[in-house]
Protein backbone atom coordinates (compact mmCIF):
# COMPACT_ATOMS: atom_id res chain seq x y z
CA UNK A 1 110.96 120.41 122.55
CA UNK A 2 114.08 119.28 120.67
CA UNK A 3 115.45 121.50 117.94
CA UNK A 4 114.81 118.81 115.32
CA UNK A 5 111.11 118.72 116.15
CA UNK A 6 110.90 122.51 116.46
CA UNK A 7 112.54 123.13 113.08
CA UNK A 8 110.56 120.34 111.41
CA UNK A 9 107.27 121.81 112.65
CA UNK A 10 108.30 125.27 111.45
CA UNK A 11 109.19 124.03 107.97
CA UNK A 12 106.06 121.86 107.83
CA UNK A 13 103.95 125.01 108.24
CA UNK A 14 104.60 125.46 104.52
CA UNK A 15 102.16 122.57 104.20
CA UNK A 16 99.56 124.48 106.25
CA UNK A 17 99.76 127.38 103.80
CA UNK A 18 99.60 124.86 100.95
CA UNK A 19 96.34 123.40 102.30
CA UNK A 20 94.87 126.76 103.29
CA UNK A 21 95.65 128.39 99.94
CA UNK A 22 94.24 125.43 98.01
CA UNK A 23 90.93 125.29 99.90
CA UNK A 24 90.23 128.95 100.71
CA UNK A 25 89.16 129.65 97.11
CA UNK A 26 85.99 127.60 97.72
CA UNK A 27 84.49 130.49 99.66
CA UNK A 28 85.13 132.93 96.81
CA UNK A 29 83.91 130.64 94.02
CA UNK A 30 80.36 131.85 93.33
CA UNK A 31 80.72 135.49 94.53
CA UNK A 32 83.62 136.11 92.14
CA UNK A 33 81.81 134.58 89.17
CA UNK A 34 78.78 136.78 89.85
CA UNK A 35 80.87 139.92 90.48
CA UNK A 36 82.82 139.78 87.23
CA UNK A 37 80.13 138.09 85.11
CA UNK A 38 82.37 135.23 84.03
CA UNK A 39 81.26 132.33 81.87
CA UNK A 40 81.76 128.83 83.25
CA UNK A 41 84.81 128.37 81.02
CA UNK A 42 86.35 131.71 82.01
CA UNK A 43 85.62 131.06 85.68
CA UNK A 44 87.17 127.60 85.57
CA UNK A 45 90.29 128.77 83.72
CA UNK A 46 90.98 132.16 85.35
CA UNK A 47 89.66 131.66 88.87
CA UNK A 48 89.37 128.05 89.97
CA UNK A 49 92.20 126.24 88.17
CA UNK A 50 94.91 128.92 87.95
CA UNK A 51 96.49 128.04 91.30
CA UNK A 52 96.61 124.37 90.29
CA UNK A 53 98.55 125.18 87.11
CA UNK A 54 100.85 127.36 89.20
CA UNK A 55 101.42 124.33 91.41
CA UNK A 56 102.52 122.30 88.38
CA UNK A 57 104.95 125.08 87.38
CA UNK A 58 106.30 125.33 90.94
CA UNK A 59 106.78 121.57 91.25
CA UNK A 60 108.56 121.27 87.89
CA UNK A 61 110.94 124.14 88.62
CA UNK A 62 111.16 123.80 92.40
CA UNK A 63 114.46 121.94 92.39
CA UNK A 64 116.32 124.94 90.93
CA UNK A 65 115.91 127.35 93.87
CA UNK A 66 116.07 124.45 96.35
CA UNK A 67 119.55 123.53 95.08
CA UNK A 68 120.88 126.91 93.95
CA UNK A 69 119.53 129.23 96.64
CA UNK A 70 119.37 126.60 99.37
CA UNK A 71 116.57 124.87 101.26
CA UNK A 72 116.07 127.66 103.80
CA UNK A 73 116.21 130.50 101.26
CA UNK A 74 113.65 128.69 99.12
CA UNK A 75 111.36 128.22 102.12
CA UNK A 76 111.58 131.99 102.72
CA UNK A 77 110.73 132.58 99.06
CA UNK A 78 107.64 130.39 99.48
CA UNK A 79 106.45 132.54 102.39
CA UNK A 80 106.83 135.68 100.28
CA UNK A 81 104.90 134.13 97.40
CA UNK A 82 102.02 133.22 99.72
CA UNK A 83 102.07 136.70 101.24
CA UNK A 84 102.00 138.50 97.89
CA UNK A 85 99.33 136.09 96.59
CA UNK A 86 97.06 136.69 99.60
CA UNK A 87 97.36 140.49 99.42
CA UNK A 88 96.96 140.64 95.65
CA UNK A 89 94.03 138.20 95.51
CA UNK A 90 92.14 140.11 98.20
CA UNK A 91 92.63 143.47 96.48
CA UNK A 92 92.30 142.35 92.82
CA UNK A 93 90.10 144.62 90.70
CA UNK A 94 89.55 142.27 87.75
CA UNK A 95 89.77 138.54 86.99
CA UNK A 96 93.13 138.85 85.21
CA UNK A 97 94.97 140.37 88.15
CA UNK A 98 93.21 137.88 90.40
CA UNK A 99 94.37 134.93 88.28
CA UNK A 100 97.95 136.27 88.30
CA UNK A 101 98.07 136.42 92.09
CA UNK A 102 96.44 132.97 92.39
CA UNK A 103 99.10 131.68 89.99
CA UNK A 104 101.82 133.02 92.30
CA UNK A 105 100.23 131.25 95.27
CA UNK A 106 100.08 128.03 93.27
CA UNK A 107 103.77 128.33 92.39
CA UNK A 108 104.43 128.62 96.13
CA UNK A 109 102.44 125.43 96.72
CA UNK A 110 104.43 123.55 94.05
CA UNK A 111 107.82 124.69 95.33
CA UNK A 112 106.84 123.89 98.93
CA UNK A 113 106.14 120.27 97.95
CA UNK A 114 109.79 120.11 96.85
CA UNK A 115 111.67 122.19 99.43
CA UNK A 116 109.88 121.33 102.69
CA UNK A 117 110.06 117.50 102.54
CA UNK A 118 113.63 117.76 101.23
CA UNK A 119 114.75 119.94 104.16
CA UNK A 120 113.03 117.88 106.86
CA UNK A 121 114.36 114.58 105.50
CA UNK A 122 117.91 116.02 105.59
CA UNK A 123 117.82 117.06 109.25
CA UNK A 124 115.73 114.20 110.66
CA UNK A 125 117.28 111.11 112.30
CA UNK A 126 116.48 107.91 110.41
CA UNK A 127 114.32 106.42 113.17
CA UNK A 128 111.98 109.46 113.25
CA UNK A 129 112.25 110.65 109.64
CA UNK A 130 108.87 109.28 108.55
CA UNK A 131 106.92 111.01 111.31
CA UNK A 132 108.76 114.32 110.93
CA UNK A 133 108.40 114.52 107.13
CA UNK A 134 104.75 113.45 107.46
CA UNK A 135 104.20 116.62 109.51
CA UNK A 136 104.08 118.34 106.12
CA UNK A 137 101.09 116.28 104.97
CA UNK A 138 99.38 116.72 108.34
CA UNK A 139 99.68 120.48 107.95
CA UNK A 140 98.26 120.28 104.42
CA UNK A 141 95.15 118.51 105.74
CA UNK A 142 94.94 120.82 108.77
CA UNK A 143 95.26 123.87 106.51
CA UNK A 144 92.38 122.66 104.35
CA UNK A 145 90.18 122.17 107.41
CA UNK A 146 91.11 125.60 108.81
CA UNK A 147 90.34 127.24 105.46
CA UNK A 148 86.82 125.83 105.55
CA UNK A 149 86.34 126.98 109.14
CA UNK A 150 87.80 130.41 108.34
CA UNK A 151 85.48 130.83 105.35
CA UNK A 152 82.49 129.94 107.51
CA UNK A 153 83.43 132.43 110.25
CA UNK A 154 84.37 135.25 107.86
CA UNK A 155 81.24 134.68 105.81
CA UNK A 156 79.17 135.25 108.94
CA UNK A 157 81.02 138.43 109.92
CA UNK A 158 80.91 140.34 106.62
CA UNK A 159 77.85 140.90 104.45
CA UNK A 160 79.66 142.52 101.52
CA UNK A 161 82.99 141.56 99.95
CA UNK A 162 83.33 138.66 102.37
CA UNK A 163 85.35 136.77 99.76
CA UNK A 164 88.09 139.42 99.89
CA UNK A 165 88.45 138.91 103.65
CA UNK A 166 88.40 135.12 103.18
CA UNK A 167 91.38 135.33 100.82
CA UNK A 168 93.13 138.18 102.63
CA UNK A 169 93.19 136.45 106.00
CA UNK A 170 95.91 134.17 104.63
CA UNK A 171 98.24 137.15 105.16
CA UNK A 172 98.37 136.29 108.88
CA UNK A 173 99.71 132.68 108.65
CA UNK A 174 101.92 133.62 105.67
CA UNK A 175 103.59 136.45 107.61
CA UNK A 176 103.98 134.30 110.75
CA UNK A 177 105.51 131.45 108.72
CA UNK A 178 107.96 133.79 106.96
CA UNK A 179 109.15 135.23 110.28
CA UNK A 180 109.56 131.78 111.84
CA UNK A 181 111.38 130.23 108.90
CA UNK A 182 114.07 132.94 109.08
CA UNK A 183 115.20 131.36 112.37
CA UNK A 184 115.69 127.89 110.87
CA UNK A 185 119.32 126.98 109.99
CA UNK A 186 120.47 125.82 106.58
CA UNK A 187 120.47 122.10 105.84
CA UNK A 188 123.81 120.51 106.84
CA UNK A 189 123.71 118.21 103.82
CA UNK A 190 123.12 121.20 101.52
CA UNK A 191 126.04 123.06 103.13
CA UNK A 192 128.39 120.15 102.42
CA UNK A 193 126.95 119.38 99.00
CA UNK A 194 126.67 122.85 97.47
CA UNK A 195 128.96 125.06 99.58
CA UNK A 196 131.68 122.71 100.78
CA UNK A 197 131.08 124.25 104.21
CA UNK A 198 131.86 121.37 106.56
CA UNK A 199 132.35 123.71 109.52
CA UNK A 200 128.89 125.23 109.03
CA UNK A 201 127.42 121.76 108.65
CA UNK A 202 129.21 120.62 111.83
CA UNK A 203 127.68 123.50 113.80
CA UNK A 204 124.16 122.66 112.60
CA UNK A 205 124.62 118.94 113.29
CA UNK A 206 125.81 119.71 116.83
CA UNK A 207 122.74 121.89 117.38
CA UNK A 208 120.58 119.03 116.17
CA UNK A 209 122.22 116.49 118.49
CA UNK A 210 125.10 117.57 120.76
CA UNK A 211 125.84 113.93 121.67
CA UNK A 212 126.12 112.70 118.07
CA UNK A 213 129.36 111.62 116.40
CA UNK A 214 129.32 114.57 114.01
CA UNK A 215 132.63 113.70 112.31
CA UNK A 216 131.30 110.26 111.41
CA UNK A 217 128.11 111.79 110.00
CA UNK A 218 130.05 114.26 107.88
CA UNK A 219 132.38 111.51 106.64
CA UNK A 220 129.37 109.41 105.59
CA UNK A 221 127.77 112.35 103.75
CA UNK A 222 131.07 113.18 102.00
CA UNK A 223 131.66 109.55 101.02
CA UNK A 224 128.20 109.37 99.45
CA UNK A 225 128.86 112.65 97.61
CA UNK A 226 132.26 111.44 96.36
CA UNK A 227 130.50 108.39 94.92
CA UNK A 228 128.04 110.65 93.08
CA UNK A 229 130.83 112.86 91.71
CA UNK A 230 132.72 109.84 90.39
CA UNK A 231 129.62 108.57 88.64
CA UNK A 232 129.15 111.74 86.51
CA UNK A 233 125.59 110.60 85.75
CA UNK A 234 122.70 112.71 84.51
CA UNK A 235 119.43 112.56 86.40
CA UNK A 236 117.65 110.43 83.81
CA UNK A 237 120.57 108.06 83.40
CA UNK A 238 120.41 104.39 84.30
CA UNK A 239 122.10 105.17 87.63
CA UNK A 240 118.90 106.62 89.10
CA UNK A 241 116.49 104.40 87.24
CA UNK A 242 115.08 102.68 90.34
CA UNK A 243 114.56 105.84 92.46
CA UNK A 244 112.92 107.57 89.48
CA UNK A 245 110.61 104.60 88.91
CA UNK A 246 109.71 104.43 92.60
CA UNK A 247 108.97 108.18 92.77
CA UNK A 248 106.88 108.01 89.60
CA UNK A 249 104.80 105.06 90.77
CA UNK A 250 104.13 106.34 94.31
CA UNK A 251 102.98 109.71 92.89
CA UNK A 252 101.01 108.11 90.05
CA UNK A 253 99.12 105.74 92.31
CA UNK A 254 98.51 108.52 94.83
CA UNK A 255 96.34 110.34 92.31
CA UNK A 256 94.98 107.26 90.50
CA UNK A 257 93.51 106.16 93.82
CA UNK A 258 90.82 108.74 93.07
CA UNK A 259 91.58 110.92 96.12
CA UNK A 260 91.35 114.27 94.36
CA UNK A 261 88.30 113.10 92.46
CA UNK A 262 86.62 112.38 95.81
CA UNK A 263 87.73 115.67 97.39
CA UNK A 264 86.81 117.81 94.36
CA UNK A 265 83.55 116.10 93.51
CA UNK A 266 82.33 114.52 96.76
CA UNK A 267 79.13 116.61 96.92
CA UNK A 268 78.26 115.67 93.34
CA UNK A 269 78.97 111.99 93.98
CA UNK A 270 76.90 111.98 97.16
CA UNK A 271 74.00 113.75 95.45
CA UNK A 272 74.20 111.12 92.71
CA UNK A 273 73.87 108.57 95.53
CA UNK A 274 70.43 110.10 96.18
CA UNK A 275 71.37 111.78 99.48
CA UNK A 276 70.32 115.32 98.60
CA UNK A 277 72.41 118.49 98.57
CA UNK A 278 72.32 119.26 102.30
CA UNK A 279 73.28 115.76 103.36
CA UNK A 280 76.01 115.78 100.70
CA UNK A 281 77.58 118.93 102.12
CA UNK A 282 77.37 117.58 105.67
CA UNK A 283 79.00 114.33 104.59
CA UNK A 284 81.75 116.33 102.88
CA UNK A 285 82.56 118.02 106.22
CA UNK A 286 82.73 114.58 107.80
CA UNK A 287 85.16 113.48 105.10
CA UNK A 288 87.45 116.41 106.03
CA UNK A 289 87.43 115.37 109.68
CA UNK A 290 88.16 111.71 108.85
CA UNK A 291 91.04 112.88 106.66
CA UNK A 292 92.61 114.80 109.56
CA UNK A 293 92.19 112.04 112.17
CA UNK A 294 93.61 109.26 110.01
CA UNK A 295 96.49 111.43 108.79
CA UNK A 296 97.48 111.70 112.47
CA UNK A 297 97.19 107.91 112.80
CA UNK A 298 99.42 107.45 109.75
CA UNK A 299 102.00 109.78 111.29
CA UNK A 300 101.98 107.75 114.50
CA UNK A 301 102.49 104.46 112.64
CA UNK A 302 104.81 105.31 109.76
CA UNK A 303 108.05 104.81 111.73
CA UNK A 304 106.66 101.88 113.72
CA UNK A 305 105.05 99.72 111.04
CA UNK A 306 106.99 101.08 108.07
CA UNK A 307 106.01 102.50 104.70
CA UNK A 308 105.25 99.17 102.98
CA UNK A 309 103.02 97.89 105.80
CA UNK A 310 100.96 101.08 105.76
CA UNK A 311 100.54 100.81 101.99
CA UNK A 312 99.44 97.18 102.34
CA UNK A 313 96.78 98.30 104.84
CA UNK A 314 95.82 101.28 102.70
CA UNK A 315 95.58 99.22 99.51
CA UNK A 316 93.21 96.81 101.24
CA UNK A 317 91.04 99.71 102.44
CA UNK A 318 91.06 101.25 98.97
CA UNK A 319 90.00 98.02 97.30
CA UNK A 320 87.18 97.22 99.73
CA UNK A 321 85.70 100.72 99.62
CA UNK A 322 86.09 101.30 95.88
CA UNK A 323 84.73 97.89 94.85
CA UNK A 324 81.69 98.23 97.13
CA UNK A 325 80.96 101.80 96.00
CA UNK A 326 81.22 100.71 92.37
CA UNK A 327 78.91 97.79 93.08
CA UNK A 328 76.36 100.13 94.72
CA UNK A 329 76.27 102.33 91.63
CA UNK A 330 76.04 99.38 89.23
CA UNK A 331 73.23 97.76 91.23
CA UNK A 332 71.36 101.00 91.89
CA UNK A 333 71.29 100.29 95.65
CA UNK A 334 72.30 103.82 96.64
CA UNK A 335 69.95 104.66 99.50
CA UNK A 336 70.96 104.94 103.14
CA UNK A 337 74.38 105.68 104.54
CA UNK A 338 76.37 102.96 102.76
CA UNK A 339 78.03 105.25 100.21
CA UNK A 340 79.06 108.00 102.73
CA UNK A 341 80.45 105.36 105.10
CA UNK A 342 82.39 103.71 102.27
CA UNK A 343 83.74 107.09 101.20
CA UNK A 344 84.82 107.59 104.81
CA UNK A 345 86.63 104.24 104.67
CA UNK A 346 88.31 105.30 101.43
CA UNK A 347 89.48 108.61 102.94
CA UNK A 348 90.75 106.82 106.07
CA UNK A 349 92.69 104.30 103.94
CA UNK A 350 94.26 107.11 101.94
CA UNK A 351 95.07 109.39 104.87
CA UNK A 352 96.93 106.74 106.89
CA UNK A 353 98.79 105.27 103.90
CA UNK A 354 99.40 107.16 100.66
CA UNK A 355 98.60 110.54 102.20
CA UNK A 356 101.13 110.06 105.00
CA UNK A 357 103.76 108.31 102.88
CA UNK A 358 104.11 110.08 99.54
CA UNK A 359 106.24 113.08 100.53
CA UNK A 360 108.27 110.97 102.97
CA UNK A 361 109.05 108.21 100.47
CA UNK A 362 110.02 110.49 97.58
CA UNK A 363 112.36 112.48 99.85
CA UNK A 364 114.09 109.27 100.97
CA UNK A 365 114.81 107.32 97.77
CA UNK A 366 117.07 109.85 96.01
CA UNK A 367 120.74 110.53 96.89
CA UNK A 368 121.75 113.84 98.47
CA UNK A 369 123.19 115.05 95.17
CA UNK A 370 119.86 114.85 93.28
CA UNK A 371 117.31 114.84 96.13
CA UNK A 372 115.77 118.19 95.20
CA UNK A 373 115.64 117.14 91.53
CA UNK A 374 114.01 113.85 92.52
CA UNK A 375 111.52 115.57 94.83
CA UNK A 376 110.69 117.95 92.00
CA UNK A 377 110.17 115.03 89.61
CA UNK A 378 107.88 113.13 91.99
CA UNK A 379 105.92 116.27 92.88
CA UNK A 380 105.52 117.10 89.19
CA UNK A 381 104.07 113.67 88.45
CA UNK A 382 101.67 114.10 91.38
CA UNK A 383 100.49 117.57 90.34
CA UNK A 384 100.21 116.86 86.62
CA UNK A 385 98.03 113.83 87.40
CA UNK A 386 95.95 115.98 89.79
CA UNK A 387 95.50 118.66 87.11
CA UNK A 388 94.48 116.09 84.50
CA UNK A 389 91.94 114.56 86.87
CA UNK A 390 90.47 118.00 87.62
CA UNK A 391 90.33 118.70 83.88
CA UNK A 392 88.86 115.40 82.72
CA UNK A 393 86.50 114.42 85.52
CA UNK A 394 83.60 116.75 84.60
CA UNK A 395 83.54 115.08 81.16
CA UNK A 396 83.93 111.62 82.70
CA UNK A 397 81.05 112.22 85.12
CA UNK A 398 78.90 113.48 82.26
CA UNK A 399 79.67 110.39 80.18
CA UNK A 400 79.79 107.54 82.70
CA UNK A 401 77.92 106.64 85.87
CA UNK A 402 79.72 106.20 89.19
CA UNK A 403 80.04 102.44 88.67
CA UNK A 404 82.72 102.42 85.93
CA UNK A 405 84.57 105.39 87.47
CA UNK A 406 85.01 103.73 90.87
CA UNK A 407 85.76 100.38 89.22
CA UNK A 408 88.62 102.05 87.30
CA UNK A 409 90.11 103.42 90.51
CA UNK A 410 89.76 99.96 92.11
CA UNK A 411 91.79 98.42 89.28
CA UNK A 412 94.48 101.06 89.81
CA UNK A 413 94.66 100.18 93.50
CA UNK A 414 95.00 96.49 92.66
CA UNK A 415 98.02 97.48 90.57
CA UNK A 416 99.35 99.52 93.49
CA UNK A 417 99.19 96.40 95.63
CA UNK A 418 101.33 94.59 93.03
CA UNK A 419 103.81 97.48 93.17
CA UNK A 420 104.04 97.25 96.97
CA UNK A 421 104.48 93.47 96.89
CA UNK A 422 107.18 93.22 94.23
CA UNK A 423 108.98 96.55 93.86
CA UNK A 424 108.62 98.94 96.79
CA UNK A 425 111.55 98.84 99.28
CA UNK A 426 111.14 99.50 102.99
CA UNK A 427 112.92 102.71 103.99
CA UNK A 428 112.00 102.77 107.70
CA UNK A 429 114.95 103.43 110.01
CA UNK A 430 117.59 103.45 107.24
CA UNK A 431 119.94 106.42 106.81
CA UNK A 432 119.72 108.40 103.59
CA UNK A 433 123.29 107.44 102.67
CA UNK A 434 122.60 103.72 103.25
CA UNK A 435 119.46 103.97 101.09
CA UNK A 436 121.63 105.46 98.37
CA UNK A 437 123.85 102.37 98.44
CA UNK A 438 120.81 100.09 98.14
CA UNK A 439 118.81 101.94 95.48
CA UNK A 440 121.33 103.68 93.24
CA UNK A 441 123.10 101.74 90.53
CA UNK A 442 126.89 101.83 90.79
CA UNK A 443 128.95 103.10 87.83
CA UNK A 444 130.19 100.35 85.52
CA UNK A 445 133.84 100.82 86.47
CA UNK A 446 133.09 100.67 90.18
CA UNK A 447 131.00 97.51 89.74
CA UNK A 448 133.85 95.85 87.84
CA UNK A 449 136.36 96.89 90.51
CA UNK A 450 134.09 95.57 93.28
CA UNK A 451 133.64 92.31 91.40
CA UNK A 452 137.38 91.92 90.87
CA UNK A 453 138.05 92.62 94.55
CA UNK A 454 135.46 90.03 95.52
CA UNK A 455 137.10 87.45 93.24
CA UNK A 456 140.55 88.14 94.70
CA UNK A 457 139.14 87.72 98.20
């Protein structure tokens, strides 16, 4: 196994802990509410949503440690946060301590969505960057599936306090990840950008590919950095307007597809489709399996077909499934397996397109100088939208039937298709420095100089 693949897999394990930590709480849901006698409001705020708000905090502030401490040091910090969260959650004696430790785990999730894709994108060769960064999303989905399996097994082994073992078992992958990540080198781009350590960067680049023209790579990275230093532009200046817009839209449409609504409320939706509670839970397990299989397919295709092609395919799958589900609710024709099959189509469309692309695309469109800041921005948009959906959907479901809800998501996916057609660039196989030239606006003085040179020529 090449070092690039080995290190990418190691870093992507942060995604496994992300998925595991997010889903493992499902096994502790009802036992904790009964144990501490919490009202529905208290339970939702202190137990079920606290990690999600921690994720928002971690995503918003994740660029600071990623830039200041470094990619590798931040990845180590993430492992420690997961470890402390798992131990504290399992041993918590009241809901307030429990919520604090869940908050810490959520912060780890948010920071991981910044640091892990940033690191992998900076060590990966352009032709394989999509697949390697998508390993992070695969591990998220795999972690969710393993959390469900773990909860099932642990629940069968322990009659009392099973929920503590369900949460505490995360100590094992968190400790393993922390030990493994300590063997990963620092990002060569970060070494040049923040430490001026070209010799250290050269050593890492040679370990990545002994046959590469390392001097040419370093010169390209330095030239791109010199351009950024001459620009003296703030993050929200016009210079980065296009990357910021692209990151915002890809994250916005990811959540406005309805994916978290489906994952959070699939049993309720399927029961509303007159399938009954048992069938609903069984169909939910099937949705998890479809998610994993088609995430793997998206990984296999992202560097072959490209990001835009996958989003074209995904948008078509979204529209077909969402329109037909909405129609079924409006018409009242909900019997049979149509709705579960259409939900499966929806999950497949998401997993092989938006699910596989989002972290890859955001990590590619920003220059080296502001990549962590850009990843933090895109992740923040994603997680704020996810939190708002989790907050608003119970009210929406109590006010509207499934028809208008799925129709709304279908309209959003039609708008995503417009975005793909007219604004989204293809980033497949293009170096990060070349993407910077294409997507970042040149300073006014440099544009005038380039124009004058062109006229003289």
